[in-house]
Amino acid sequence: MSEPVCPAPDEMTFGDALEELEGIVSALESGQLELEESLDRYQRGVSLLQALQTKLEDAQQRVTALIGELEGEPVSEK
């Protein structure tokens, strides 16, 4: 039986990535996983966390640009 293919974290929605990360944290905290599976899940969790941080930074930049537009300031793209 083959392993299920997980989507790349940067291709997931914020909500889906967060939900998967929460599941990984719960599984790791349970202490019921074998070492290899724990390491695999931890690695996946790190990838999800990085993608989530990137999505949050992008959203923050968009909000900052929108606030600048409302205040009449020129918008600079980074």
PDB file of N, CA and C in Angstrom:
ATOM      1  N   MET A   1       0.843  -1.173   0.000  1.00  0.00           N
ATOM      2  CA  MET A   1       0.000   0.000   0.000  1.00  0.00           C
ATOM      3  C   MET A   1       0.892   1.239   0.000  1.00  0.00           C
ATOM      4  N   SER A   2       0.622   2.213  -0.842  1.00  0.00           N
ATOM      5  CA  SER A   2       1.456   3.402  -0.929  1.00  0.00           C
ATOM      6  C   SER A   2       0.990   4.462   0.062  1.00  0.00           C
ATOM      7  N   GLU A   3       1.946   5.335   0.403  1.00  0.00           N
ATOM      8  CA  GLU A   3       1.665   6.434   1.320  1.00  0.00           C
ATOM      9  C   GLU A   3       0.773   7.464   0.630  1.00  0.00           C
ATOM     10  N   PRO A   4      -0.164   8.082   1.357  1.00  0.00           N
ATOM     11  CA  PRO A   4      -0.962   9.141   0.745  1.00  0.00           C
ATOM     12  C   PRO A   4      -0.069  10.337   0.416  1.00  0.00           C
ATOM     13  N   VAL A   5      -0.356  10.965  -0.710  1.00  0.00           N
ATOM     14  CA  VAL A   5       0.435  12.115  -1.138  1.00  0.00           C
ATOM     15  C   VAL A   5      -0.141  13.361  -0.476  1.00  0.00           C
ATOM     16  N   CYS A   6       0.708  14.057   0.260  1.00  0.00           N
ATOM     17  CA  CYS A   6       0.286  15.287   0.926  1.00  0.00           C
ATOM     18  C   CYS A   6       0.590  16.463   0.004  1.00  0.00           C
ATOM     19  N   PRO A   7      -0.323  17.415  -0.069  1.00  0.00           N
ATOM     20  CA  PRO A   7      -0.043  18.590  -0.901  1.00  0.00           C
ATOM     21  C   PRO A   7       1.113  19.398  -0.317  1.00  0.00           C
ATOM     22  N   ALA A   8       1.814  20.091  -1.180  1.00  0.00           N
ATOM     23  CA  ALA A   8       2.893  20.962  -0.725  1.00  0.00           C
ATOM     24  C   ALA A   8       2.301  22.042   0.170  1.00  0.00           C
ATOM     25  N   PRO A   9       2.950  22.337   1.289  1.00  0.00           N
ATOM     26  CA  PRO A   9       2.406  23.328   2.222  1.00  0.00           C
ATOM     27  C   PRO A   9       2.092  24.676   1.590  1.00  0.00           C
ATOM     28  N   ASP A  10       2.920  25.118   0.643  1.00  0.00           N
ATOM     29  CA  ASP A  10       2.679  26.428   0.032  1.00  0.00           C
ATOM     30  C   ASP A  10       1.524  26.415  -0.963  1.00  0.00           C
ATOM     31  N   GLU A  11       1.013  25.218  -1.278  1.00  0.00           N
ATOM     32  CA  GLU A  11      -0.143  25.111  -2.173  1.00  0.00           C
ATOM     33  C   GLU A  11      -1.451  24.954  -1.390  1.00  0.00           C
ATOM     34  N   MET A  12      -1.355  24.843  -0.077  1.00  0.00           N
ATOM     35  CA  MET A  12      -2.536  24.643   0.770  1.00  0.00           C
ATOM     36  C   MET A  12      -3.117  25.988   1.183  1.00  0.00           C
ATOM     37  N   THR A  13      -4.401  25.974   1.527  1.00  0.00           N
ATOM     38  CA  THR A  13      -4.975  27.191   2.104  1.00  0.00           C
ATOM     39  C   THR A  13      -4.424  27.354   3.512  1.00  0.00           C
ATOM     40  N   PHE A  14      -4.519  28.559   4.028  1.00  0.00           N
ATOM     41  CA  PHE A  14      -4.037  28.825   5.382  1.00  0.00           C
ATOM     42  C   PHE A  14      -4.761  27.913   6.378  1.00  0.00           C
ATOM     43  N   GLY A  15      -6.082  27.828   6.250  1.00  0.00           N
ATOM     44  CA  GLY A  15      -6.870  27.023   7.184  1.00  0.00           C
ATOM     45  C   GLY A  15      -6.519  25.547   7.137  1.00  0.00           C
ATOM     46  N   ASP A  16      -6.323  25.010   5.942  1.00  0.00           N
ATOM     47  CA  ASP A  16      -5.975  23.596   5.809  1.00  0.00           C
ATOM     48  C   ASP A  16      -4.590  23.310   6.394  1.00  0.00           C
ATOM     49  N   ALA A  17      -3.636  24.193   6.122  1.00  0.00           N
ATOM     50  CA  ALA A  17      -2.287  24.013   6.646  1.00  0.00           C
ATOM     51  C   ALA A  17      -2.286  24.104   8.170  1.00  0.00           C
ATOM     52  N   LEU A  18      -3.032  25.052   8.714  1.00  0.00           N
ATOM     53  CA  LEU A  18      -3.106  25.201  10.164  1.00  0.00           C
ATOM     54  C   LEU A  18      -3.755  23.983  10.810  1.00  0.00           C
ATOM     55  N   GLU A  19      -4.812  23.487  10.188  1.00  0.00           N
ATOM     56  CA  GLU A  19      -5.497  22.303  10.714  1.00  0.00           C
ATOM     57  C   GLU A  19      -4.567  21.086  10.727  1.00  0.00           C
ATOM     58  N   GLU A  20      -3.815  20.910   9.642  1.00  0.00           N
ATOM     59  CA  GLU A  20      -2.879  19.782   9.592  1.00  0.00           C
ATOM     60  C   GLU A  20      -1.789  19.946  10.643  1.00  0.00           C
ATOM     61  N   LEU A  21      -1.278  21.163  10.798  1.00  0.00           N
ATOM     62  CA  LEU A  21      -0.241  21.413  11.805  1.00  0.00           C
ATOM     63  C   LEU A  21      -0.758  21.111  13.206  1.00  0.00           C
ATOM     64  N   GLU A  22      -1.987  21.514  13.503  1.00  0.00           N
ATOM     65  CA  GLU A  22      -2.570  21.223  14.815  1.00  0.00           C
ATOM     66  C   GLU A  22      -2.687  19.718  15.043  1.00  0.00           C
ATOM     67  N   GLY A  23      -3.036  18.973  13.998  1.00  0.00           N
ATOM     68  CA  GLY A  23      -3.113  17.520  14.103  1.00  0.00           C
ATOM     69  C   GLY A  23      -1.748  16.902  14.365  1.00  0.00           C
ATOM     70  N   ILE A  24      -0.731  17.437  13.713  1.00  0.00           N
ATOM     71  CA  ILE A  24       0.633  16.943  13.917  1.00  0.00           C
ATOM     72  C   ILE A  24       1.078  17.197  15.345  1.00  0.00           C
ATOM     73  N   VAL A  25       0.805  18.390  15.856  1.00  0.00           N
ATOM     74  CA  VAL A  25       1.182  18.721  17.232  1.00  0.00           C
ATOM     75  C   VAL A  25       0.490  17.773  18.209  1.00  0.00           C
ATOM     76  N   SER A  26      -0.779  17.524  18.000  1.00  0.00           N
ATOM     77  CA  SER A  26      -1.517  16.608  18.884  1.00  0.00           C
ATOM     78  C   SER A  26      -0.920  15.205  18.843  1.00  0.00           C
ATOM     79  N   ALA A  27      -0.603  14.742  17.635  1.00  0.00           N
ATOM     80  CA  ALA A  27      -0.027  13.402  17.491  1.00  0.00           C
ATOM     81  C   ALA A  27       1.333  13.311  18.174  1.00  0.00           C
ATOM     82  N   LEU A  28       2.151  14.345  18.016  1.00  0.00           N
ATOM     83  CA  LEU A  28       3.467  14.337  18.649  1.00  0.00           C
ATOM     84  C   LEU A  28       3.352  14.402  20.175  1.00  0.00           C
ATOM     85  N   GLU A  29       2.413  15.192  20.656  1.00  0.00           N
ATOM     86  CA  GLU A  29       2.225  15.320  22.106  1.00  0.00           C
ATOM     87  C   GLU A  29       1.677  14.041  22.734  1.00  0.00           C
ATOM     88  N   SER A  30       1.002  13.209  21.933  1.00  0.00           N
ATOM     89  CA  SER A  30       0.412  11.989  22.474  1.00  0.00           C
ATOM     90  C   SER A  30       1.471  10.974  22.902  1.00  0.00           C
ATOM     91  N   GLY A  31       2.637  11.043  22.278  1.00  0.00           N
ATOM     92  CA  GLY A  31       3.700  10.107  22.612  1.00  0.00           C
ATOM     93  C   GLY A  31       3.455   8.704  22.088  1.00  0.00           C
ATOM     94  N   GLN A  32       2.496   8.535  21.199  1.00  0.00           N
ATOM     95  CA  GLN A  32       2.133   7.212  20.695  1.00  0.00           C
ATOM     96  C   GLN A  32       2.811   6.861  19.367  1.00  0.00           C
ATOM     97  N   LEU A  33       3.594   7.760  18.816  1.00  0.00           N
ATOM     98  CA  LEU A  33       4.212   7.524  17.510  1.00  0.00           C
ATOM     99  C   LEU A  33       5.591   6.890  17.669  1.00  0.00           C
ATOM    100  N   GLU A  34       5.947   6.081  16.690  1.00  0.00           N
ATOM    101  CA  GLU A  34       7.303   5.547  16.623  1.00  0.00           C
ATOM    102  C   GLU A  34       8.257   6.699  16.282  1.00  0.00           C
ATOM    103  N   LEU A  35       9.532   6.506  16.574  1.00  0.00           N
ATOM    104  CA  LEU A  35      10.531   7.549  16.364  1.00  0.00           C
ATOM    105  C   LEU A  35      10.541   8.044  14.916  1.00  0.00           C
ATOM    106  N   GLU A  36      10.552   7.117  13.958  1.00  0.00           N
ATOM    107  CA  GLU A  36      10.626   7.504  12.551  1.00  0.00           C
ATOM    108  C   GLU A  36       9.406   8.326  12.141  1.00  0.00           C
ATOM    109  N   GLU A  37       8.235   7.891  12.589  1.00  0.00           N
ATOM    110  CA  GLU A  37       7.017   8.627  12.247  1.00  0.00           C
ATOM    111  C   GLU A  37       7.009   9.994  12.927  1.00  0.00           C
ATOM    112  N   SER A  38       7.505  10.058  14.144  1.00  0.00           N
ATOM    113  CA  SER A  38       7.598  11.343  14.839  1.00  0.00           C
ATOM    114  C   SER A  38       8.491  12.307  14.070  1.00  0.00           C
ATOM    115  N   LEU A  39       9.621  11.802  13.601  1.00  0.00           N
ATOM    116  CA  LEU A  39      10.538  12.659  12.842  1.00  0.00           C
ATOM    117  C   LEU A  39       9.923  13.117  11.534  1.00  0.00           C
ATOM    118  N   ASP A  40       9.232  12.207  10.839  1.00  0.00           N
ATOM    119  CA  ASP A  40       8.562  12.582   9.587  1.00  0.00           C
ATOM    120  C   ASP A  40       7.500  13.649   9.835  1.00  0.00           C
ATOM    121  N   ARG A  41       6.712  13.459  10.878  1.00  0.00           N
ATOM    122  CA  ARG A  41       5.651  14.431  11.173  1.00  0.00           C
ATOM    123  C   ARG A  41       6.248  15.766  11.618  1.00  0.00           C
ATOM    124  N   TYR A  42       7.321  15.716  12.397  1.00  0.00           N
ATOM    125  CA  TYR A  42       7.971  16.951  12.823  1.00  0.00           C
ATOM    126  C   TYR A  42       8.470  17.728  11.612  1.00  0.00           C
ATOM    127  N   GLN A  43       9.098  17.019  10.676  1.00  0.00           N
ATOM    128  CA  GLN A  43       9.602  17.671   9.458  1.00  0.00           C
ATOM    129  C   GLN A  43       8.454  18.294   8.661  1.00  0.00           C
ATOM    130  N   ARG A  44       7.352  17.577   8.531  1.00  0.00           N
ATOM    131  CA  ARG A  44       6.176  18.110   7.830  1.00  0.00           C
ATOM    132  C   ARG A  44       5.653  19.346   8.576  1.00  0.00           C
ATOM    133  N   GLY A  45       5.642  19.273   9.900  1.00  0.00           N
ATOM    134  CA  GLY A  45       5.178  20.405  10.697  1.00  0.00           C
ATOM    135  C   GLY A  45       6.025  21.649  10.487  1.00  0.00           C
ATOM    136  N   VAL A  46       7.335  21.464  10.392  1.00  0.00           N
ATOM    137  CA  VAL A  46       8.230  22.601  10.150  1.00  0.00           C
ATOM    138  C   VAL A  46       7.918  23.225   8.788  1.00  0.00           C
ATOM    139  N   SER A  47       7.689  22.381   7.783  1.00  0.00           N
ATOM    140  CA  SER A  47       7.348  22.894   6.448  1.00  0.00           C
ATOM    141  C   SER A  47       6.027  23.659   6.470  1.00  0.00           C
ATOM    142  N   LEU A  48       5.058  23.111   7.188  1.00  0.00           N
ATOM    143  CA  LEU A  48       3.762  23.790   7.304  1.00  0.00           C
ATOM    144  C   LEU A  48       3.914  25.124   8.024  1.00  0.00           C
ATOM    145  N   LEU A  49       4.689  25.136   9.094  1.00  0.00           N
ATOM    146  CA  LEU A  49       4.895  26.366   9.853  1.00  0.00           C
ATOM    147  C   LEU A  49       5.547  27.444   8.997  1.00  0.00           C
ATOM    148  N   GLN A  50       6.538  27.064   8.205  1.00  0.00           N
ATOM    149  CA  GLN A  50       7.196  28.033   7.328  1.00  0.00           C
ATOM    150  C   GLN A  50       6.208  28.603   6.304  1.00  0.00           C
ATOM    151  N   ALA A  51       5.377  27.734   5.740  1.00  0.00           N
ATOM    152  CA  ALA A  51       4.384  28.194   4.767  1.00  0.00           C
ATOM    153  C   ALA A  51       3.372  29.124   5.427  1.00  0.00           C
ATOM    154  N   LEU A  52       2.948  28.786   6.638  1.00  0.00           N
ATOM    155  CA  LEU A  52       1.989  29.632   7.359  1.00  0.00           C
ATOM    156  C   LEU A  52       2.590  31.002   7.669  1.00  0.00           C
ATOM    157  N   GLN A  53       3.843  31.025   8.083  1.00  0.00           N
ATOM    158  CA  GLN A  53       4.497  32.302   8.367  1.00  0.00           C
ATOM    159  C   GLN A  53       4.585  33.159   7.112  1.00  0.00           C
ATOM    160  N   THR A  54       4.894  32.546   5.983  1.00  0.00           N
ATOM    161  CA  THR A  54       4.964  33.274   4.716  1.00  0.00           C
ATOM    162  C   THR A  54       3.602  33.847   4.346  1.00  0.00           C
ATOM    163  N   LYS A  55       2.559  33.039   4.515  1.00  0.00           N
ATOM    164  CA  LYS A  55       1.202  33.514   4.208  1.00  0.00           C
ATOM    165  C   LYS A  55       0.818  34.680   5.118  1.00  0.00           C
ATOM    166  N   LEU A  56       1.184  34.613   6.385  1.00  0.00           N
ATOM    167  CA  LEU A  56       0.881  35.713   7.307  1.00  0.00           C
ATOM    168  C   LEU A  56       1.650  36.984   6.936  1.00  0.00           C
ATOM    169  N   GLU A  57       2.908  36.832   6.563  1.00  0.00           N
ATOM    170  CA  GLU A  57       3.699  37.995   6.152  1.00  0.00           C
ATOM    171  C   GLU A  57       3.115  38.639   4.898  1.00  0.00           C
ATOM    172  N   ASP A  58       2.697  37.807   3.952  1.00  0.00           N
ATOM    173  CA  ASP A  58       2.072  38.330   2.731  1.00  0.00           C
ATOM    174  C   ASP A  58       0.783  39.085   3.053  1.00  0.00           C
ATOM    175  N   ALA A  59      -0.018  38.512   3.933  1.00  0.00           N
ATOM    176  CA  ALA A  59      -1.268  39.163   4.323  1.00  0.00           C
ATOM    177  C   ALA A  59      -0.990  40.488   5.025  1.00  0.00           C
ATOM    178  N   GLN A  60       0.027  40.501   5.878  1.00  0.00           N
ATOM    179  CA  GLN A  60       0.374  41.742   6.582  1.00  0.00           C
ATOM    180  C   GLN A  60       0.806  42.825   5.597  1.00  0.00           C
ATOM    181  N   GLN A  61       1.571  42.451   4.584  1.00  0.00           N
ATOM    182  CA  GLN A  61       1.992  43.420   3.569  1.00  0.00           C
ATOM    183  C   GLN A  61       0.788  43.963   2.800  1.00  0.00           C
ATOM    184  N   ARG A  62      -0.158  43.084   2.491  1.00  0.00           N
ATOM    185  CA  ARG A  62      -1.354  43.529   1.765  1.00  0.00           C
ATOM    186  C   ARG A  62      -2.180  44.491   2.614  1.00  0.00           C
ATOM    187  N   VAL A  63      -2.331  44.180   3.902  1.00  0.00           N
ATOM    188  CA  VAL A  63      -3.095  45.059   4.796  1.00  0.00           C
ATOM    189  C   VAL A  63      -2.396  46.399   4.929  1.00  0.00           C
ATOM    190  N   THR A  64      -1.079  46.383   5.073  1.00  0.00           N
ATOM    191  CA  THR A  64      -0.314  47.625   5.176  1.00  0.00           C
ATOM    192  C   THR A  64      -0.486  48.467   3.912  1.00  0.00           C
ATOM    193  N   ALA A  65      -0.468  47.819   2.745  1.00  0.00           N
ATOM    194  CA  ALA A  65      -0.660  48.545   1.486  1.00  0.00           C
ATOM    195  C   ALA A  65      -2.061  49.138   1.411  1.00  0.00           C
ATOM    196  N   LEU A  66      -3.056  48.372   1.836  1.00  0.00           N
ATOM    197  CA  LEU A  66      -4.433  48.877   1.815  1.00  0.00           C
ATOM    198  C   LEU A  66      -4.613  50.051   2.772  1.00  0.00           C
ATOM    199  N   ILE A  67      -4.010  49.977   3.925  1.00  0.00           N
ATOM    200  CA  ILE A  67      -4.091  51.087   4.887  1.00  0.00           C
ATOM    201  C   ILE A  67      -3.421  52.319   4.296  1.00  0.00           C
ATOM    202  N   GLY A  68      -2.291  52.105   3.627  1.00  0.00           N
ATOM    203  CA  GLY A  68      -1.600  53.218   2.973  1.00  0.00           C
ATOM    204  C   GLY A  68      -2.463  53.872   1.914  1.00  0.00           C
ATOM    205  N   GLU A  69      -3.197  53.056   1.156  1.00  0.00           N
ATOM    206  CA  GLU A  69      -4.092  53.599   0.139  1.00  0.00           C
ATOM    207  C   GLU A  69      -5.200  54.424   0.778  1.00  0.00           C
ATOM    208  N   LEU A  70      -5.734  53.928   1.884  1.00  0.00           N
ATOM    209  CA  LEU A  70      -6.805  54.655   2.571  1.00  0.00           C
ATOM    210  C   LEU A  70      -6.316  55.980   3.135  1.00  0.00           C
ATOM    211  N   GLU A  71      -5.081  56.014   3.542  1.00  0.00           N
ATOM    212  CA  GLU A  71      -4.524  57.227   4.123  1.00  0.00           C
ATOM    213  C   GLU A  71      -3.903  58.138   3.068  1.00  0.00           C
ATOM    214  N   GLY A  72      -3.962  57.727   1.808  1.00  0.00           N
ATOM    215  CA  GLY A  72      -3.453  58.554   0.718  1.00  0.00           C
ATOM    216  C   GLY A  72      -1.970  58.501   0.531  1.00  0.00           C
ATOM    217  N   GLU A  73      -1.317  57.535   1.151  1.00  0.00           N
ATOM    218  CA  GLU A  73       0.137  57.404   1.002  1.00  0.00           C
ATOM    219  C   GLU A  73       0.425  56.573  -0.253  1.00  0.00           C
ATOM    220  N   PRO A  74       1.549  56.869  -0.907  1.00  0.00           N
ATOM    221  CA  PRO A  74       1.901  56.043  -2.068  1.00  0.00           C
ATOM    222  C   PRO A  74       2.207  54.621  -1.618  1.00  0.00           C
ATOM    223  N   VAL A  75       1.795  53.672  -2.427  1.00  0.00           N
ATOM    224  CA  VAL A  75       2.002  52.267  -2.106  1.00  0.00           C
ATOM    225  C   VAL A  75       3.263  51.787  -2.805  1.00  0.00           C
ATOM    226  N   SER A  76       4.174  51.225  -2.032  1.00  0.00           N
ATOM    227  CA  SER A  76       5.394  50.674  -2.634  1.00  0.00           C
ATOM    228  C   SER A  76       5.329  49.170  -2.531  1.00  0.00           C
ATOM    229  N   GLU A  77       5.547  48.522  -3.665  1.00  0.00           N
ATOM    230  CA  GLU A  77       5.562  47.055  -3.698  1.00  0.00           C
ATOM    231  C   GLU A  77       6.958  46.587  -3.334  1.00  0.00           C
ATOM    232  N   LYS A  78       7.024  45.545  -2.495  1.00  0.00           N
ATOM    233  CA  LYS A  78       8.326  44.995  -2.106  1.00  0.00           C
ATOM    234  C   LYS A  78       8.626  43.771  -2.896  1.00  0.00           C
TER     235      LYS A  78
END
